[in-house]
Each structure stands twice: as structure tokens, then as C-alpha cells.
Amino acid sequence: MALNARRTRQLLEAAAPLLLQGERVEFTSLAGVGSVSVRKQALTAAVVGVLSAGTVMATVTPRALYIVMTDQRLLFFDGNRGGRPGKLLLNLPRPYVSAGGSKKAFLGLQYATRLSVAGQEQGLKVTFPVQHRSDGPRFVAALPAIR
């Protein structure tokens, strides 16, 4: 399921002043970006469990970011502002980005891929949540495969 019309409009309004002349938007979505290690998840759950005497559960998840893919770049906007797109956090030239290791994740309810950026050692994990899972394959298909 794509972003709703209001959210898409807000995202396009946030991106509009950043677009270069002739640059056009090809794709928008919301995804969790970044990796959270199992160790960090377990540590957070344990600390919160001890501090709350077991009455509160906590999880650590990748940061929610809105994605705007243009014919030239990938723009990532903060998605943790009460639903509205926030400030630009990441601007990647599209020719330098490739995707790979794509698969269904978390019981097939999510879609995950790893982005590789030329010249960077560490990749970027992008996970499309259940409501945007179908955006994952379209996103990956628009990028070259990791070599």
C-alpha cells in the first residue's frame, strides 16, 4: 500500500525546494532505515524490564524515514515527526547506489534490502513495514543490483 494522498503531498512539498531543474520524482514510500543489532535489542529489553520490574516491554527498531527517489537521487526525510515528513537526513546520488540481499523479513510481513553506496564500506539496511511491503520490490527494481 502506497502512502496516502495527504502524506504523499506533504512529502512532495518537503522535497520540492530541493529538486534540481528538470529532476522528477519517481517513487515515494516510508521505510525503516538502519540496522539494530540483536545484542542492542536484547540489552534494551533487559534494562527496561529491570527498571520497570517487568511491567514494560521495549523494542529498538530502525529509524522511520520517508524515501523520495528521483531520476537523479535518493532523498531520505525524517519520519518521526508525528507522521509529517521532517528534515532531509540523507541525500544520495542515484548512480552510486545499488541494492542487494533483498528478501521478505519478519514472517514475510516486511521486505528488506541492503543498499550499497559507492565509496562507503558499510551498507544501509532498508526495511519496508507491512503496510508498505509492496513498495520494496519496486524500490529494488529501480536500482542496479549489488555487484
Protein backbone atom coordinates (compact mmCIF):
# COMPACT_ATOMS: atom_id res chain seq x y z
CA MET A 1 0.00 0.00 0.00
CA ALA A 2 1.49 3.31 -1.03
CA LEU A 3 1.48 6.43 1.12
CA ASN A 4 -1.92 8.07 1.42
CA ALA A 5 -2.60 11.14 -0.72
CA ARG A 6 -2.12 13.65 2.12
CA ARG A 7 1.20 12.16 3.21
CA THR A 8 2.42 11.95 -0.39
CA ARG A 9 1.53 15.62 -0.92
CA GLN A 10 3.38 16.61 2.29
CA LEU A 11 6.42 14.62 1.21
CA LEU A 12 6.44 16.14 -2.28
CA GLU A 13 6.13 19.62 -0.72
CA ALA A 14 9.14 18.89 1.51
CA ALA A 15 11.17 17.65 -1.45
CA ALA A 16 10.15 20.33 -3.99
CA PRO A 17 12.61 23.07 -2.90
CA LEU A 18 15.47 20.53 -3.03
CA LEU A 19 14.84 19.28 -6.56
CA LEU A 20 17.21 20.32 -9.31
CA GLN A 21 15.88 21.83 -12.53
CA GLY A 22 14.30 19.03 -14.58
CA GLU A 23 14.61 16.46 -11.77
CA ARG A 24 11.44 14.40 -11.34
CA VAL A 25 10.12 12.21 -8.54
CA GLU A 26 9.65 8.54 -9.49
CA PHE A 27 8.86 6.86 -6.15
CA THR A 28 7.84 7.70 -2.57
CA SER A 29 7.47 5.45 0.47
CA LEU A 30 8.18 5.01 4.16
CA ALA A 31 10.73 2.51 5.48
CA GLY A 32 12.87 1.70 8.49
CA VAL A 33 16.45 2.62 7.68
CA GLY A 34 19.48 1.36 9.59
CA SER A 35 20.37 -1.77 11.45
CA VAL A 36 19.77 -2.63 15.07
CA SER A 37 21.88 -5.49 16.37
CA VAL A 38 20.31 -8.37 18.25
CA ARG A 39 22.65 -7.53 21.13
CA LYS A 40 21.32 -3.96 21.36
CA GLN A 41 17.71 -5.18 21.20
CA ALA A 42 18.32 -7.70 23.99
CA LEU A 43 20.21 -5.18 26.12
CA THR A 44 17.44 -2.56 25.78
CA ALA A 45 14.72 -5.10 26.64
CA ALA A 46 16.68 -6.30 29.67
CA VAL A 47 17.37 -2.79 31.02
CA VAL A 48 13.76 -1.63 30.57
CA GLY A 49 12.48 -4.88 32.07
CA VAL A 50 14.66 -4.47 35.18
CA LEU A 51 13.86 -0.77 35.60
CA SER A 52 10.13 -1.34 35.25
CA ALA A 53 10.04 -4.55 37.30
CA GLY A 54 8.85 -6.38 34.20
CA THR A 55 5.79 -4.20 33.62
CA VAL A 56 7.06 -2.51 30.43
CA MET A 57 8.42 -4.08 27.25
CA ALA A 58 10.69 -2.13 24.91
CA THR A 59 11.96 -2.72 21.42
CA VAL A 60 14.55 -0.92 19.36
CA THR A 61 13.75 -0.50 15.68
CA PRO A 62 15.47 1.15 12.73
CA ARG A 63 14.60 4.81 12.23
CA ALA A 64 11.47 5.53 10.16
CA LEU A 65 12.38 7.60 7.11
CA TYR A 66 10.39 8.79 4.13
CA ILE A 67 12.05 7.96 0.82
CA VAL A 68 11.82 10.11 -2.28
CA MET A 69 13.51 8.55 -5.30
CA THR A 70 14.02 10.91 -8.21
CA ASP A 71 15.59 10.19 -11.57
CA GLN A 72 18.87 11.53 -10.07
CA ARG A 73 18.90 10.98 -6.29
CA LEU A 74 17.56 9.19 -3.24
CA LEU A 75 16.34 11.60 -0.56
CA PHE A 76 15.57 10.39 2.96
CA PHE A 77 13.43 12.57 5.25
CA ASP A 78 12.83 12.17 8.98
CA GLY A 79 9.67 10.09 9.53
CA ASN A 80 9.43 10.51 13.30
CA ARG A 81 7.61 13.85 13.39
CA GLY A 82 4.08 12.73 14.16
CA GLY A 83 3.65 11.36 10.65
CA ARG A 84 4.64 14.50 8.74
CA PRO A 85 7.90 14.38 6.79
CA GLY A 86 10.68 16.12 8.69
CA LYS A 87 14.03 17.48 7.62
CA LEU A 88 16.25 15.95 4.96
CA LEU A 89 18.62 13.47 6.62
CA LEU A 90 20.32 11.76 3.68
CA ASN A 91 20.89 12.73 0.05
CA LEU A 92 22.45 10.02 -2.14
CA PRO A 93 23.29 10.35 -5.85
CA ARG A 94 21.31 7.55 -7.51
CA PRO A 95 24.12 6.42 -9.89
CA TYR A 96 26.23 5.49 -6.83
CA VAL A 97 23.55 3.41 -5.07
CA SER A 98 22.85 -0.27 -5.68
CA ALA A 99 20.60 -2.76 -3.86
CA GLY A 100 21.01 -6.41 -2.95
CA GLY A 101 20.28 -9.10 -0.41
CA SER A 102 16.57 -8.40 -0.82
CA LYS A 103 14.15 -10.72 0.93
CA LYS A 104 10.92 -10.98 2.84
CA ALA A 105 11.57 -10.46 6.53
CA PHE A 106 9.79 -10.98 9.85
CA LEU A 107 7.50 -13.87 8.89
CA GLY A 108 7.05 -12.46 5.38
CA LEU A 109 5.32 -9.35 6.72
CA GLN A 110 8.16 -6.98 5.80
CA TYR A 111 10.50 -6.54 2.86
CA ALA A 112 14.17 -5.82 3.49
CA THR A 113 17.09 -4.90 1.28
CA ARG A 114 20.61 -3.62 1.72
CA LEU A 115 21.80 -0.52 -0.11
CA SER A 116 25.42 -0.17 -1.10
CA VAL A 117 26.84 3.29 -1.79
CA ALA A 118 29.98 3.51 -3.92
CA GLY A 119 32.95 4.53 -1.78
CA GLN A 120 31.29 3.56 1.52
CA GLU A 121 32.28 0.45 3.45
CA GLN A 122 29.06 -0.05 5.39
CA GLY A 123 25.75 -0.65 3.65
CA LEU A 124 22.38 0.70 4.66
CA LYS A 125 19.57 -1.69 5.58
CA VAL A 126 16.13 -0.59 4.37
CA THR A 127 13.07 -2.42 5.71
CA PHE A 128 9.62 -1.73 4.33
CA PRO A 129 6.99 -2.35 7.06
CA VAL A 130 3.89 -4.43 6.48
CA GLN A 131 1.76 -1.54 5.20
CA HIS A 132 4.44 -0.56 2.62
CA ARG A 133 5.85 -4.05 1.94
CA SER A 134 4.78 -4.00 -1.72
CA ASP A 135 6.92 -0.86 -2.26
CA GLY A 136 10.07 -2.88 -1.50
CA PRO A 137 10.32 -4.86 -4.75
CA ARG A 138 9.52 -1.73 -6.82
CA PHE A 139 12.25 0.21 -4.97
CA VAL A 140 14.83 -2.55 -5.53
CA ALA A 141 13.88 -2.99 -9.19
CA ALA A 142 14.60 0.70 -9.82
CA LEU A 143 18.20 0.35 -8.60
CA PRO A 144 21.10 -1.64 -10.05
CA ALA A 145 21.95 -4.90 -8.28
CA ILE A 146 24.97 -5.01 -5.96
CA ARG A 147 27.92 -6.44 -7.84
